[in-house]
Amino acid sequence: MTTKVRLVLDQAEIRRLLSDPEATELVADAGREFAAAARGYAPRRTGAGAASIGADAQAGVARVSWDSDHHYMAFHQFGTHKLPADPFMDRALDQYDTRE
């Protein structure tokens, strides 16, 4: 059985939310909270890669990642042919999603 879903976006409401300081601060808070969880799950040898994970929130979008000097964190997250994946960001997201 196939279920069809129709999604209608209210562009005016989206613009209002993006200009609402309270809503944008909620997004920024969520990004910072997720970044903290990701740092907790990140693999560490020296801890520098984990410490580089941060959140950048602009225009109602929070981006969480490691900085460019610690690009090797992607090798841990996604794996390579020599290094098995350790999806620490996924585990952080799972933890974040289960909170009430």
PDB file of N, CA and C in Angstrom:
ATOM      1  N   MET A   1       0.843  -1.181   0.000  1.00  0.00           N
ATOM      2  CA  MET A   1       0.000   0.000   0.000  1.00  0.00           C
ATOM      3  C   MET A   1       0.884   1.238   0.000  1.00  0.00           C
ATOM      4  N   THR A   2       0.577   2.171  -0.856  1.00  0.00           N
ATOM      5  CA  THR A   2       1.329   3.419  -0.959  1.00  0.00           C
ATOM      6  C   THR A   2       0.512   4.540  -0.346  1.00  0.00           C
ATOM      7  N   THR A   3       1.165   5.301   0.497  1.00  0.00           N
ATOM      8  CA  THR A   3       0.508   6.458   1.100  1.00  0.00           C
ATOM      9  C   THR A   3       1.073   7.713   0.473  1.00  0.00           C
ATOM     10  N   LYS A   4       0.211   8.573   0.015  1.00  0.00           N
ATOM     11  CA  LYS A   4       0.650   9.833  -0.567  1.00  0.00           C
ATOM     12  C   LYS A   4       0.452  10.940   0.461  1.00  0.00           C
ATOM     13  N   VAL A   5       1.447  11.813   0.522  1.00  0.00           N
ATOM     14  CA  VAL A   5       1.391  12.947   1.431  1.00  0.00           C
ATOM     15  C   VAL A   5       1.619  14.201   0.620  1.00  0.00           C
ATOM     16  N   ARG A   6       0.799  15.182   0.865  1.00  0.00           N
ATOM     17  CA  ARG A   6       0.987  16.465   0.201  1.00  0.00           C
ATOM     18  C   ARG A   6       1.446  17.466   1.244  1.00  0.00           C
ATOM     19  N   LEU A   7       2.523  18.143   0.949  1.00  0.00           N
ATOM     20  CA  LEU A   7       3.101  19.113   1.855  1.00  0.00           C
ATOM     21  C   LEU A   7       2.976  20.486   1.227  1.00  0.00           C
ATOM     22  N   VAL A   8       2.368  21.404   1.967  1.00  0.00           N
ATOM     23  CA  VAL A   8       2.207  22.777   1.487  1.00  0.00           C
ATOM     24  C   VAL A   8       2.957  23.686   2.444  1.00  0.00           C
ATOM     25  N   LEU A   9       3.883  24.458   1.914  1.00  0.00           N
ATOM     26  CA  LEU A   9       4.672  25.372   2.730  1.00  0.00           C
ATOM     27  C   LEU A   9       4.087  26.778   2.639  1.00  0.00           C
ATOM     28  N   ASP A  10       3.910  27.394   3.783  1.00  0.00           N
ATOM     29  CA  ASP A  10       3.413  28.761   3.851  1.00  0.00           C
ATOM     30  C   ASP A  10       4.633  29.684   3.825  1.00  0.00           C
ATOM     31  N   GLN A  11       4.953  30.212   2.662  1.00  0.00           N
ATOM     32  CA  GLN A  11       6.151  31.029   2.487  1.00  0.00           C
ATOM     33  C   GLN A  11       6.145  32.272   3.369  1.00  0.00           C
ATOM     34  N   ALA A  12       4.988  32.886   3.563  1.00  0.00           N
ATOM     35  CA  ALA A  12       4.914  34.077   4.416  1.00  0.00           C
ATOM     36  C   ALA A  12       5.246  33.719   5.862  1.00  0.00           C
ATOM     37  N   GLU A  13       4.765  32.585   6.328  1.00  0.00           N
ATOM     38  CA  GLU A  13       5.054  32.153   7.707  1.00  0.00           C
ATOM     39  C   GLU A  13       6.534  31.788   7.854  1.00  0.00           C
ATOM     40  N   ILE A  14       7.106  31.180   6.844  1.00  0.00           N
ATOM     41  CA  ILE A  14       8.535  30.856   6.884  1.00  0.00           C
ATOM     42  C   ILE A  14       9.358  32.138   6.977  1.00  0.00           C
ATOM     43  N   ARG A  15       9.035  33.142   6.175  1.00  0.00           N
ATOM     44  CA  ARG A  15       9.752  34.424   6.242  1.00  0.00           C
ATOM     45  C   ARG A  15       9.587  35.066   7.620  1.00  0.00           C
ATOM     46  N   ARG A  16       8.387  34.978   8.196  1.00  0.00           N
ATOM     47  CA  ARG A  16       8.150  35.548   9.521  1.00  0.00           C
ATOM     48  C   ARG A  16       9.009  34.849  10.565  1.00  0.00           C
ATOM     49  N   LEU A  17       9.059  33.528  10.507  1.00  0.00           N
ATOM     50  CA  LEU A  17       9.864  32.786  11.469  1.00  0.00           C
ATOM     51  C   LEU A  17      11.352  33.098  11.332  1.00  0.00           C
ATOM     52  N   LEU A  18      11.810  33.256  10.093  1.00  0.00           N
ATOM     53  CA  LEU A  18      13.227  33.551   9.877  1.00  0.00           C
ATOM     54  C   LEU A  18      13.615  34.932  10.384  1.00  0.00           C
ATOM     55  N   SER A  19      12.629  35.818  10.512  1.00  0.00           N
ATOM     56  CA  SER A  19      12.940  37.161  11.021  1.00  0.00           C
ATOM     57  C   SER A  19      12.613  37.296  12.515  1.00  0.00           C
ATOM     58  N   ASP A  20      12.088  36.246  13.124  1.00  0.00           N
ATOM     59  CA  ASP A  20      11.736  36.275  14.551  1.00  0.00           C
ATOM     60  C   ASP A  20      12.977  35.949  15.383  1.00  0.00           C
ATOM     61  N   PRO A  21      13.484  36.910  16.172  1.00  0.00           N
ATOM     62  CA  PRO A  21      14.690  36.661  16.957  1.00  0.00           C
ATOM     63  C   PRO A  21      14.559  35.479  17.921  1.00  0.00           C
ATOM     64  N   GLU A  22      13.387  35.279  18.472  1.00  0.00           N
ATOM     65  CA  GLU A  22      13.185  34.161  19.402  1.00  0.00           C
ATOM     66  C   GLU A  22      13.309  32.821  18.682  1.00  0.00           C
ATOM     67  N   ALA A  23      12.741  32.722  17.489  1.00  0.00           N
ATOM     68  CA  ALA A  23      12.819  31.483  16.719  1.00  0.00           C
ATOM     69  C   ALA A  23      14.251  31.217  16.272  1.00  0.00           C
ATOM     70  N   THR A  24      14.950  32.252  15.811  1.00  0.00           N
ATOM     71  CA  THR A  24      16.323  32.043  15.372  1.00  0.00           C
ATOM     72  C   THR A  24      17.229  31.681  16.542  1.00  0.00           C
ATOM     73  N   GLU A  25      16.943  32.207  17.723  1.00  0.00           N
ATOM     74  CA  GLU A  25      17.743  31.846  18.899  1.00  0.00           C
ATOM     75  C   GLU A  25      17.477  30.393  19.306  1.00  0.00           C
ATOM     76  N   LEU A  26      16.250  29.922  19.146  1.00  0.00           N
ATOM     77  CA  LEU A  26      15.944  28.511  19.419  1.00  0.00           C
ATOM     78  C   LEU A  26      16.740  27.596  18.492  1.00  0.00           C
ATOM     79  N   VAL A  27      16.848  27.968  17.222  1.00  0.00           N
ATOM     80  CA  VAL A  27      17.624  27.179  16.267  1.00  0.00           C
ATOM     81  C   VAL A  27      19.097  27.194  16.666  1.00  0.00           C
ATOM     82  N   ALA A  28      19.610  28.360  17.034  1.00  0.00           N
ATOM     83  CA  ALA A  28      21.009  28.464  17.454  1.00  0.00           C
ATOM     84  C   ALA A  28      21.270  27.626  18.701  1.00  0.00           C
ATOM     85  N   ASP A  29      20.344  27.671  19.660  1.00  0.00           N
ATOM     86  CA  ASP A  29      20.481  26.855  20.879  1.00  0.00           C
ATOM     87  C   ASP A  29      20.510  25.369  20.543  1.00  0.00           C
ATOM     88  N   ALA A  30      19.620  24.951  19.650  1.00  0.00           N
ATOM     89  CA  ALA A  30      19.585  23.541  19.255  1.00  0.00           C
ATOM     90  C   ALA A  30      20.896  23.139  18.585  1.00  0.00           C
ATOM     91  N   GLY A  31      21.450  24.008  17.765  1.00  0.00           N
ATOM     92  CA  GLY A  31      22.726  23.723  17.121  1.00  0.00           C
ATOM     93  C   GLY A  31      23.848  23.582  18.133  1.00  0.00           C
ATOM     94  N   ARG A  32      23.895  24.482  19.109  1.00  0.00           N
ATOM     95  CA  ARG A  32      24.933  24.400  20.140  1.00  0.00           C
ATOM     96  C   ARG A  32      24.785  23.133  20.976  1.00  0.00           C
ATOM     97  N   GLU A  33      23.550  22.764  21.285  1.00  0.00           N
ATOM     98  CA  GLU A  33      23.299  21.557  22.074  1.00  0.00           C
ATOM     99  C   GLU A  33      23.716  20.297  21.303  1.00  0.00           C
ATOM    100  N   PHE A  34      23.386  20.267  20.016  1.00  0.00           N
ATOM    101  CA  PHE A  34      23.776  19.124  19.186  1.00  0.00           C
ATOM    102  C   PHE A  34      25.295  19.054  19.048  1.00  0.00           C
ATOM    103  N   ALA A  35      25.954  20.201  18.880  1.00  0.00           N
ATOM    104  CA  ALA A  35      27.416  20.223  18.774  1.00  0.00           C
ATOM    105  C   ALA A  35      28.058  19.674  20.042  1.00  0.00           C
ATOM    106  N   ALA A  36      27.506  20.021  21.197  1.00  0.00           N
ATOM    107  CA  ALA A  36      28.044  19.505  22.462  1.00  0.00           C
ATOM    108  C   ALA A  36      27.895  17.989  22.528  1.00  0.00           C
ATOM    109  N   ALA A  37      26.749  17.476  22.089  1.00  0.00           N
ATOM    110  CA  ALA A  37      26.544  16.019  22.075  1.00  0.00           C
ATOM    111  C   ALA A  37      27.523  15.358  21.108  1.00  0.00           C
ATOM    112  N   ALA A  38      27.740  15.963  19.940  1.00  0.00           N
ATOM    113  CA  ALA A  38      28.667  15.401  18.954  1.00  0.00           C
ATOM    114  C   ALA A  38      30.090  15.377  19.499  1.00  0.00           C
ATOM    115  N   ARG A  39      30.492  16.434  20.196  1.00  0.00           N
ATOM    116  CA  ARG A  39      31.823  16.433  20.805  1.00  0.00           C
ATOM    117  C   ARG A  39      31.964  15.278  21.788  1.00  0.00           C
ATOM    118  N   GLY A  40      30.890  14.964  22.504  1.00  0.00           N
ATOM    119  CA  GLY A  40      30.927  13.870  23.468  1.00  0.00           C
ATOM    120  C   GLY A  40      31.082  12.499  22.829  1.00  0.00           C
ATOM    121  N   TYR A  41      30.550  12.331  21.630  1.00  0.00           N
ATOM    122  CA  TYR A  41      30.624  11.041  20.939  1.00  0.00           C
ATOM    123  C   TYR A  41      31.821  10.931  20.000  1.00  0.00           C
ATOM    124  N   ALA A  42      32.478  12.033  19.710  1.00  0.00           N
ATOM    125  CA  ALA A  42      33.568  12.033  18.734  1.00  0.00           C
ATOM    126  C   ALA A  42      34.754  11.201  19.221  1.00  0.00           C
ATOM    127  N   PRO A  43      35.405  10.504  18.280  1.00  0.00           N
ATOM    128  CA  PRO A  43      36.615   9.765  18.655  1.00  0.00           C
ATOM    129  C   PRO A  43      37.712  10.763  19.011  1.00  0.00           C
ATOM    130  N   ARG A  44      38.612  10.344  19.888  1.00  0.00           N
ATOM    131  CA  ARG A  44      39.688  11.243  20.262  1.00  0.00           C
ATOM    132  C   ARG A  44      40.982  10.495  20.483  1.00  0.00           C
ATOM    133  N   ARG A  45      41.985  11.059  19.938  1.00  0.00           N
ATOM    134  CA  ARG A  45      43.339  10.645  20.282  1.00  0.00           C
ATOM    135  C   ARG A  45      43.935  11.764  21.114  1.00  0.00           C
ATOM    136  N   THR A  46      43.859  12.989  20.569  1.00  0.00           N
ATOM    137  CA  THR A  46      44.329  14.151  21.322  1.00  0.00           C
ATOM    138  C   THR A  46      43.164  14.985  21.838  1.00  0.00           C
ATOM    139  N   GLY A  47      42.004  14.824  21.224  1.00  0.00           N
ATOM    140  CA  GLY A  47      40.830  15.610  21.592  1.00  0.00           C
ATOM    141  C   GLY A  47      40.667  16.870  20.758  1.00  0.00           C
ATOM    142  N   ALA A  48      41.649  17.180  19.917  1.00  0.00           N
ATOM    143  CA  ALA A  48      41.581  18.406  19.124  1.00  0.00           C
ATOM    144  C   ALA A  48      40.442  18.365  18.102  1.00  0.00           C
ATOM    145  N   GLY A  49      40.249  17.222  17.448  1.00  0.00           N
ATOM    146  CA  GLY A  49      39.166  17.113  16.467  1.00  0.00           C
ATOM    147  C   GLY A  49      37.811  17.266  17.118  1.00  0.00           C
ATOM    148  N   ALA A  50      37.618  16.590  18.241  1.00  0.00           N
ATOM    149  CA  ALA A  50      36.348  16.697  18.963  1.00  0.00           C
ATOM    150  C   ALA A  50      36.116  18.131  19.421  1.00  0.00           C
ATOM    151  N   ALA A  51      37.163  18.779  19.913  1.00  0.00           N
ATOM    152  CA  ALA A  51      37.030  20.158  20.402  1.00  0.00           C
ATOM    153  C   ALA A  51      36.691  21.132  19.285  1.00  0.00           C
ATOM    154  N   SER A  52      37.015  20.764  18.032  1.00  0.00           N
ATOM    155  CA  SER A  52      36.755  21.674  16.919  1.00  0.00           C
ATOM    156  C   SER A  52      35.299  21.644  16.458  1.00  0.00           C
ATOM    157  N   ILE A  53      34.499  20.728  16.958  1.00  0.00           N
ATOM    158  CA  ILE A  53      33.096  20.635  16.529  1.00  0.00           C
ATOM    159  C   ILE A  53      32.324  21.796  17.141  1.00  0.00           C
ATOM    160  N   GLY A  54      31.655  22.531  16.272  1.00  0.00           N
ATOM    161  CA  GLY A  54      30.888  23.685  16.731  1.00  0.00           C
ATOM    162  C   GLY A  54      29.669  23.893  15.865  1.00  0.00           C
ATOM    163  N   ALA A  55      28.875  24.875  16.249  1.00  0.00           N
ATOM    164  CA  ALA A  55      27.650  25.197  15.524  1.00  0.00           C
ATOM    165  C   ALA A  55      27.734  26.619  14.991  1.00  0.00           C
ATOM    166  N   ASP A  56      27.218  26.802  13.797  1.00  0.00           N
ATOM    167  CA  ASP A  56      27.121  28.117  13.176  1.00  0.00           C
ATOM    168  C   ASP A  56      25.672  28.277  12.749  1.00  0.00           C
ATOM    169  N   ALA A  57      24.974  29.232  13.336  1.00  0.00           N
ATOM    170  CA  ALA A  57      23.561  29.427  13.018  1.00  0.00           C
ATOM    171  C   ALA A  57      23.375  30.762  12.306  1.00  0.00           C
ATOM    172  N   GLN A  58      22.766  30.690  11.136  1.00  0.00           N
ATOM    173  CA  GLN A  58      22.451  31.884  10.357  1.00  0.00           C
ATOM    174  C   GLN A  58      21.146  31.651   9.616  1.00  0.00           C
ATOM    175  N   ALA A  59      20.331  32.664   9.573  1.00  0.00           N
ATOM    176  CA  ALA A  59      19.073  32.631   8.807  1.00  0.00           C
ATOM    177  C   ALA A  59      18.212  31.430   9.149  1.00  0.00           C
ATOM    178  N   GLY A  60      18.136  31.073  10.430  1.00  0.00           N
ATOM    179  CA  GLY A  60      17.265  29.997  10.860  1.00  0.00           C
ATOM    180  C   GLY A  60      17.780  28.603  10.582  1.00  0.00           C
ATOM    181  N   VAL A  61      19.059  28.479  10.209  1.00  0.00           N
ATOM    182  CA  VAL A  61      19.666  27.171   9.942  1.00  0.00           C
ATOM    183  C   VAL A  61      20.908  27.040  10.802  1.00  0.00           C
ATOM    184  N   ALA A  62      21.011  25.927  11.506  1.00  0.00           N
ATOM    185  CA  ALA A  62      22.208  25.658  12.304  1.00  0.00           C
ATOM    186  C   ALA A  62      23.025  24.585  11.598  1.00  0.00           C
ATOM    187  N   ARG A  63      24.276  24.891  11.340  1.00  0.00           N
ATOM    188  CA  ARG A  63      25.196  23.922  10.733  1.00  0.00           C
ATOM    189  C   ARG A  63      26.173  23.486  11.809  1.00  0.00           C
ATOM    190  N   VAL A  64      26.288  22.184  11.998  1.00  0.00           N
ATOM    191  CA  VAL A  64      27.186  21.633  13.011  1.00  0.00           C
ATOM    192  C   VAL A  64      28.243  20.821  12.292  1.00  0.00           C
ATOM    193  N   SER A  65      29.509  21.129  12.566  1.00  0.00           N
ATOM    194  CA  SER A  65      30.604  20.419  11.916  1.00  0.00           C
ATOM    195  C   SER A  65      31.900  20.694  12.659  1.00  0.00           C
ATOM    196  N   TRP A  66      32.947  20.017  12.214  1.00  0.00           N
ATOM    197  CA  TRP A  66      34.296  20.270  12.700  1.00  0.00           C
ATOM    198  C   TRP A  66      34.898  21.342  11.801  1.00  0.00           C
ATOM    199  N   ASP A  67      35.960  22.003  12.266  1.00  0.00           N
ATOM    200  CA  ASP A  67      36.584  23.034  11.442  1.00  0.00           C
ATOM    201  C   ASP A  67      37.483  22.406  10.370  1.00  0.00           C
ATOM    202  N   SER A  68      37.882  23.222   9.412  1.00  0.00           N
ATOM    203  CA  SER A  68      38.633  22.697   8.260  1.00  0.00           C
ATOM    204  C   SER A  68      40.007  22.148   8.649  1.00  0.00           C
ATOM    205  N   ASP A  69      40.597  22.628   9.728  1.00  0.00           N
ATOM    206  CA  ASP A  69      41.881  22.078  10.169  1.00  0.00           C
ATOM    207  C   ASP A  69      41.751  20.639  10.660  1.00  0.00           C
ATOM    208  N   HIS A  70      40.531  20.227  10.984  1.00  0.00           N
ATOM    209  CA  HIS A  70      40.288  18.883  11.511  1.00  0.00           C
ATOM    210  C   HIS A  70      39.391  18.086  10.560  1.00  0.00           C
ATOM    211  N   HIS A  71      39.652  18.261   9.246  1.00  0.00           N
ATOM    212  CA  HIS A  71      38.860  17.600   8.202  1.00  0.00           C
ATOM    213  C   HIS A  71      38.872  16.082   8.333  1.00  0.00           C
ATOM    214  N   TYR A  72      39.878  15.541   8.997  1.00  0.00           N
ATOM    215  CA  TYR A  72      39.986  14.085   9.144  1.00  0.00           C
ATOM    216  C   TYR A  72      38.848  13.497   9.974  1.00  0.00           C
ATOM    217  N   MET A  73      38.091  14.335  10.664  1.00  0.00           N
ATOM    218  CA  MET A  73      36.940  13.825  11.409  1.00  0.00           C
ATOM    219  C   MET A  73      35.939  13.173  10.455  1.00  0.00           C
ATOM    220  N   ALA A  74      35.919  13.627   9.206  1.00  0.00           N
ATOM    221  CA  ALA A  74      35.046  13.007   8.204  1.00  0.00           C
ATOM    222  C   ALA A  74      35.448  11.561   7.953  1.00  0.00           C
ATOM    223  N   PHE A  75      36.743  11.255   8.031  1.00  0.00           N
ATOM    224  CA  PHE A  75      37.188   9.879   7.843  1.00  0.00           C
ATOM    225  C   PHE A  75      36.612   8.975   8.929  1.00  0.00           C
ATOM    226  N   HIS A  76      36.544   9.488  10.134  1.00  0.00           N
ATOM    227  CA  HIS A  76      35.956   8.713  11.233  1.00  0.00           C
ATOM    228  C   HIS A  76      34.447   8.582  11.042  1.00  0.00           C
ATOM    229  N   GLN A  77      33.796   9.681  10.710  1.00  0.00           N
ATOM    230  CA  GLN A  77      32.341   9.684  10.562  1.00  0.00           C
ATOM    231  C   GLN A  77      31.891   8.739   9.447  1.00  0.00           C
ATOM    232  N   PHE A  78      32.515   8.825   8.292  1.00  0.00           N
ATOM    233  CA  PHE A  78      32.048   8.096   7.117  1.00  0.00           C
ATOM    234  C   PHE A  78      32.854   6.844   6.800  1.00  0.00           C
ATOM    235  N   GLY A  79      34.064   6.738   7.344  1.00  0.00           N
ATOM    236  CA  GLY A  79      34.915   5.593   7.089  1.00  0.00           C
ATOM    237  C   GLY A  79      35.717   5.736   5.802  1.00  0.00           C
ATOM    238  N   THR A  80      36.713   4.906   5.680  1.00  0.00           N
ATOM    239  CA  THR A  80      37.530   4.823   4.466  1.00  0.00           C
ATOM    240  C   THR A  80      37.727   3.343   4.166  1.00  0.00           C
ATOM    241  N   HIS A  81      38.494   3.035   3.139  1.00  0.00           N
ATOM    242  CA  HIS A  81      38.728   1.620   2.843  1.00  0.00           C
ATOM    243  C   HIS A  81      39.604   0.976   3.922  1.00  0.00           C
ATOM    244  N   LYS A  82      40.299   1.781   4.725  1.00  0.00           N
ATOM    245  CA  LYS A  82      41.138   1.237   5.794  1.00  0.00           C
ATOM    246  C   LYS A  82      40.579   1.479   7.196  1.00  0.00           C
ATOM    247  N   LEU A  83      39.640   2.388   7.310  1.00  0.00           N
ATOM    248  CA  LEU A  83      39.098   2.770   8.617  1.00  0.00           C
ATOM    249  C   LEU A  83      37.584   2.580   8.606  1.00  0.00           C
ATOM    250  N   PRO A  84      37.056   1.712   9.453  1.00  0.00           N
ATOM    251  CA  PRO A  84      35.601   1.541   9.471  1.00  0.00           C
ATOM    252  C   PRO A  84      34.902   2.815   9.964  1.00  0.00           C
ATOM    253  N   ALA A  85      33.724   3.042   9.454  1.00  0.00           N
ATOM    254  CA  ALA A  85      32.958   4.225   9.855  1.00  0.00           C
ATOM    255  C   ALA A  85      32.623   4.165  11.341  1.00  0.00           C
ATOM    256  N   ASP A  86      32.696   5.313  11.980  1.00  0.00           N
ATOM    257  CA  ASP A  86      32.292   5.486  13.372  1.00  0.00           C
ATOM    258  C   ASP A  86      31.351   6.688  13.382  1.00  0.00           C
ATOM    259  N   PRO A  87      30.078   6.480  13.032  1.00  0.00           N
ATOM    260  CA  PRO A  87      29.156   7.600  12.826  1.00  0.00           C
ATOM    261  C   PRO A  87      28.755   8.306  14.131  1.00  0.00           C
ATOM    262  N   PHE A  88      29.720   9.004  14.703  1.00  0.00           N
ATOM    263  CA  PHE A  88      29.499   9.672  15.987  1.00  0.00           C
ATOM    264  C   PHE A  88      28.476  10.789  15.882  1.00  0.00           C
ATOM    265  N   MET A  89      28.397  11.460  14.746  1.00  0.00           N
ATOM    266  CA  MET A  89      27.393  12.518  14.582  1.00  0.00           C
ATOM    267  C   MET A  89      25.990  11.901  14.581  1.00  0.00           C
ATOM    268  N   ASP A  90      25.852  10.727  13.985  1.00  0.00           N
ATOM    269  CA  ASP A  90      24.564  10.042  13.980  1.00  0.00           C
ATOM    270  C   ASP A  90      24.136   9.677  15.397  1.00  0.00           C
ATOM    271  N   ARG A  91      25.080   9.179  16.188  1.00  0.00           N
ATOM    272  CA  ARG A  91      24.756   8.833  17.576  1.00  0.00           C
ATOM    273  C   ARG A  91      24.348  10.069  18.367  1.00  0.00           C
ATOM    274  N   ALA A  92      25.023  11.175  18.108  1.00  0.00           N
ATOM    275  CA  ALA A  92      24.650  12.422  18.788  1.00  0.00           C
ATOM    276  C   ALA A  92      23.245  12.847  18.381  1.00  0.00           C
ATOM    277  N   LEU A  93      22.922  12.700  17.112  1.00  0.00           N
ATOM    278  CA  LEU A  93      21.585  13.056  16.644  1.00  0.00           C
ATOM    279  C   LEU A  93      20.541  12.133  17.245  1.00  0.00           C
ATOM    280  N   ASP A  94      20.838  10.839  17.333  1.00  0.00           N
ATOM    281  CA  ASP A  94      19.916   9.893  17.967  1.00  0.00           C
ATOM    282  C   ASP A  94      19.656  10.301  19.412  1.00  0.00           C
ATOM    283  N   GLN A  95      20.699  10.689  20.139  1.00  0.00           N
ATOM    284  CA  GLN A  95      20.529  11.120  21.524  1.00  0.00           C
ATOM    285  C   GLN A  95      19.685  12.391  21.570  1.00  0.00           C
ATOM    286  N   TYR A  96      19.956  13.307  20.683  1.00  0.00           N
ATOM    287  CA  TYR A  96      19.225  14.584  20.652  1.00  0.00           C
ATOM    288  C   TYR A  96      17.753  14.347  20.353  1.00  0.00           C
ATOM    289  N   ASP A  97      17.457  13.431  19.418  1.00  0.00           N
ATOM    290  CA  ASP A  97      16.078  13.174  19.005  1.00  0.00           C
ATOM    291  C   ASP A  97      15.240  12.501  20.100  1.00  0.00           C
ATOM    292  N   THR A  98      15.861  11.801  21.024  1.00  0.00           N
ATOM    293  CA  THR A  98      15.085  11.053  22.022  1.00  0.00           C
ATOM    294  C   THR A  98      14.712  11.898  23.235  1.00  0.00           C
ATOM    295  N   ARG A  99      15.286  13.100  23.337  1.00  0.00           N
ATOM    296  CA  ARG A  99      14.942  13.945  24.480  1.00  0.00           C
ATOM    297  C   ARG A  99      13.569  14.553  24.302  1.00  0.00           C
ATOM    298  N   GLU A 100      12.914  14.810  25.409  1.00  0.00           N
ATOM    299  CA  GLU A 100      11.572  15.415  25.333  1.00  0.00           C
ATOM    300  C   GLU A 100      11.647  16.892  25.556  1.00  0.00           C
TER     301      GLU A 100
END
